[in-house]
C-alpha atoms as a PDB file:
ATOM      1  CA  MET A   1     177.130 -39.327 -11.340  1.00  0.00           C
ATOM      2  CA  THR A   2     179.313 -41.328  -8.992  1.00  0.00           C
ATOM      3  CA  PHE A   3     180.531 -44.853  -9.596  1.00  0.00           C
ATOM      4  CA  GLU A   4     178.224 -46.096  -6.859  1.00  0.00           C
ATOM      5  CA  GLU A   5     175.208 -44.366  -8.455  1.00  0.00           C
ATOM      6  CA  PHE A   6     176.100 -45.871 -11.823  1.00  0.00           C
ATOM      7  CA  GLN A   7     176.483 -49.298 -10.296  1.00  0.00           C
ATOM      8  CA  GLN A   8     173.095 -48.978  -8.556  1.00  0.00           C
ATOM      9  CA  SER A   9     171.483 -47.906 -11.829  1.00  0.00           C
ATOM     10  CA  THR A  10     172.329 -51.311 -13.322  1.00  0.00           C
ATOM     11  CA  LEU A  11     169.750 -52.817 -10.968  1.00  0.00           C
ATOM     12  CA  LYS A  12     166.965 -50.866 -12.678  1.00  0.00           C
ATOM     13  CA  SER A  13     165.135 -51.970 -15.794  1.00  0.00           C
ATOM     14  CA  ALA A  14     166.169 -48.935 -17.849  1.00  0.00           C
ATOM     15  CA  PRO A  15     169.422 -46.960 -17.983  1.00  0.00           C
ATOM     16  CA  PRO A  16     169.661 -43.336 -16.900  1.00  0.00           C
ATOM     17  CA  SER A  17     168.558 -41.170 -19.819  1.00  0.00           C
ATOM     18  CA  ASP A  18     171.715 -39.035 -19.845  1.00  0.00           C
ATOM     19  CA  LEU A  19     174.361 -41.767 -20.254  1.00  0.00           C
ATOM     20  CA  GLU A  20     176.923 -41.232 -22.987  1.00  0.00           C
ATOM     21  CA  SER A  21     177.268 -44.158 -25.365  1.00  0.00           C
ATOM     22  CA  LEU A  22     180.228 -45.968 -23.810  1.00  0.00           C
ATOM     23  CA  LEU A  23     178.723 -45.805 -20.339  1.00  0.00           C
ATOM     24  CA  LEU A  24     175.525 -47.158 -21.844  1.00  0.00           C
ATOM     25  CA  ALA A  25     177.551 -50.027 -23.334  1.00  0.00           C
ATOM     26  CA  LEU A  26     178.991 -50.828 -19.898  1.00  0.00           C
ATOM     27  CA  TRP A  27     175.520 -50.516 -18.340  1.00  0.00           C
ATOM     28  CA  GLU A  28     174.223 -53.055 -20.872  1.00  0.00           C
ATOM     29  CA  ASP A  29     177.195 -55.315 -20.177  1.00  0.00           C
ATOM     30  CA  ALA A  30     176.470 -55.224 -16.453  1.00  0.00           C
ATOM     31  CA  ARG A  31     172.923 -56.395 -17.283  1.00  0.00           C
ATOM     32  CA  ASP A  32     174.289 -59.345 -19.290  1.00  0.00           C
ATOM     33  CA  ASN A  33     173.378 -57.734 -22.612  1.00  0.00           C
ATOM     34  CA  TRP A  34     176.760 -58.395 -24.222  1.00  0.00           C
ATOM     35  CA  ASP A  35     175.476 -58.163 -27.797  1.00  0.00           C
ATOM     36  CA  ARG A  36     173.901 -54.750 -27.209  1.00  0.00           C
ATOM     37  CA  ALA A  37     177.027 -53.539 -25.370  1.00  0.00           C
ATOM     38  CA  HIS A  38     179.170 -54.678 -28.287  1.00  0.00           C
ATOM     39  CA  GLU A  39     176.906 -52.953 -30.848  1.00  0.00           C
ATOM     40  CA  ILE A  40     177.271 -49.677 -28.966  1.00  0.00           C
ATOM     41  CA  ALA A  41     181.024 -49.940 -28.395  1.00  0.00           C
ATOM     42  CA  GLN A  42     181.857 -50.720 -32.001  1.00  0.00           C
ATOM     43  CA  GLU A  43     180.139 -47.498 -33.086  1.00  0.00           C
ATOM     44  CA  VAL A  44     182.637 -45.347 -31.136  1.00  0.00           C
ATOM     45  CA  SER A  45     185.793 -44.872 -33.185  1.00  0.00           C
ATOM     46  CA  ASN A  46     188.209 -43.401 -30.669  1.00  0.00           C
ATOM     47  CA  TRP A  47     190.620 -44.944 -28.167  1.00  0.00           C
ATOM     48  CA  LYS A  48     187.942 -45.095 -25.457  1.00  0.00           C
ATOM     49  CA  GLY A  49     185.629 -47.036 -27.749  1.00  0.00           C
ATOM     50  CA  SER A  50     188.495 -49.370 -28.578  1.00  0.00           C
ATOM     51  CA  TRP A  51     189.150 -49.915 -24.865  1.00  0.00           C
ATOM     52  CA  VAL A  52     185.526 -50.831 -24.136  1.00  0.00           C
ATOM     53  CA  HIS A  53     185.487 -52.995 -27.266  1.00  0.00           C
ATOM     54  CA  ALA A  54     188.661 -54.760 -26.072  1.00  0.00           C
ATOM     55  CA  TYR A  55     187.183 -55.395 -22.624  1.00  0.00           C
ATOM     56  CA  LEU A  56     184.040 -56.878 -24.187  1.00  0.00           C
ATOM     57  CA  HIS A  57     186.032 -59.277 -26.377  1.00  0.00           C
ATOM     58  CA  ARG A  58     188.158 -60.247 -23.396  1.00  0.00           C
ATOM     59  CA  LYS A  59     184.972 -61.001 -21.482  1.00  0.00           C
ATOM     60  CA  GLU A  60     183.704 -63.014 -24.443  1.00  0.00           C
ATOM     61  CA  GLY A  61     186.911 -65.061 -24.330  1.00  0.00           C
ATOM     62  CA  ASP A  62     188.174 -63.922 -27.743  1.00  0.00           C
ATOM     63  CA  ILE A  63     191.651 -62.968 -26.561  1.00  0.00           C
ATOM     64  CA  GLY A  64     193.102 -62.458 -30.045  1.00  0.00           C
ATOM     65  CA  ASN A  65     190.385 -59.960 -30.936  1.00  0.00           C
ATOM     66  CA  ALA A  66     190.676 -58.343 -27.501  1.00  0.00           C
ATOM     67  CA  SER A  67     194.421 -57.913 -27.970  1.00  0.00           C
ATOM     68  CA  TYR A  68     193.824 -56.165 -31.300  1.00  0.00           C
ATOM     69  CA  TRP A  69     191.408 -53.696 -29.691  1.00  0.00           C
ATOM     70  CA  TYR A  70     193.683 -53.085 -26.689  1.00  0.00           C
ATOM     71  CA  SER A  71     196.387 -52.225 -29.188  1.00  0.00           C
ATOM     72  CA  ARG A  72     194.023 -49.811 -30.963  1.00  0.00           C
ATOM     73  CA  ALA A  73     193.300 -48.235 -27.568  1.00  0.00           C
ATOM     74  CA  GLY A  74     197.012 -47.867 -26.812  1.00  0.00           C
ATOM     75  CA  LYS A  75     196.716 -50.168 -23.818  1.00  0.00           C
ATOM     76  CA  ALA A  76     198.227 -53.463 -22.782  1.00  0.00           C
ATOM     77  CA  ARG A  77     195.848 -56.301 -21.971  1.00  0.00           C
ATOM     78  CA  PRO A  78     195.319 -55.949 -18.222  1.00  0.00           C
ATOM     79  CA  HIS A  79     195.993 -58.512 -15.551  1.00  0.00           C
ATOM     80  CA  LEU A  80     192.881 -57.414 -13.676  1.00  0.00           C
ATOM     81  CA  SER A  81     189.740 -59.423 -13.203  1.00  0.00           C
ATOM     82  CA  LEU A  82     186.914 -58.561 -15.583  1.00  0.00           C
ATOM     83  CA  GLU A  83     185.054 -56.963 -12.686  1.00  0.00           C
ATOM     84  CA  GLU A  84     188.044 -54.782 -11.838  1.00  0.00           C
ATOM     85  CA  GLU A  85     188.474 -53.707 -15.441  1.00  0.00           C
ATOM     86  CA  TRP A  86     184.755 -52.904 -15.740  1.00  0.00           C
ATOM     87  CA  GLU A  87     185.054 -50.679 -12.668  1.00  0.00           C
ATOM     88  CA  GLU A  88     188.207 -49.019 -14.036  1.00  0.00           C
ATOM     89  CA  LEU A  89     186.433 -48.296 -17.320  1.00  0.00           C
ATOM     90  CA  VAL A  90     183.334 -46.891 -15.655  1.00  0.00           C
ATOM     91  CA  ARG A  91     185.360 -44.708 -13.294  1.00  0.00           C
ATOM     92  CA  ALA A  92     187.503 -43.397 -16.165  1.00  0.00           C
ATOM     93  CA  LEU A  93     184.467 -42.537 -18.289  1.00  0.00           C
ATOM     94  CA  LEU A  94     182.609 -40.924 -15.388  1.00  0.00           C
ATOM     95  CA  ALA A  95     185.655 -38.766 -14.605  1.00  0.00           C
ATOM     96  CA  GLU A  96     185.441 -37.033 -17.990  1.00  0.00           C
END
């Protein structure tokens, strides 16, 4: 799936059936389902899950919590817009 296809899928009422969990979390986030996105992200206990978790807390405005999760992901808090970070995350996960 390309980034553009993923982005278009967020306009539909249901996610693609073959999305891995972190992409599903970002799909839910794009549909303003922050709570569901957070539930999914916190279930993934690797650096990628920590990165998505960090992004979600940054979006929520909880910078202290976001900083903790960026640290767990081995990343510095970005100076990107939330939209740019969302795209970076999606592209990174799709590239795997």
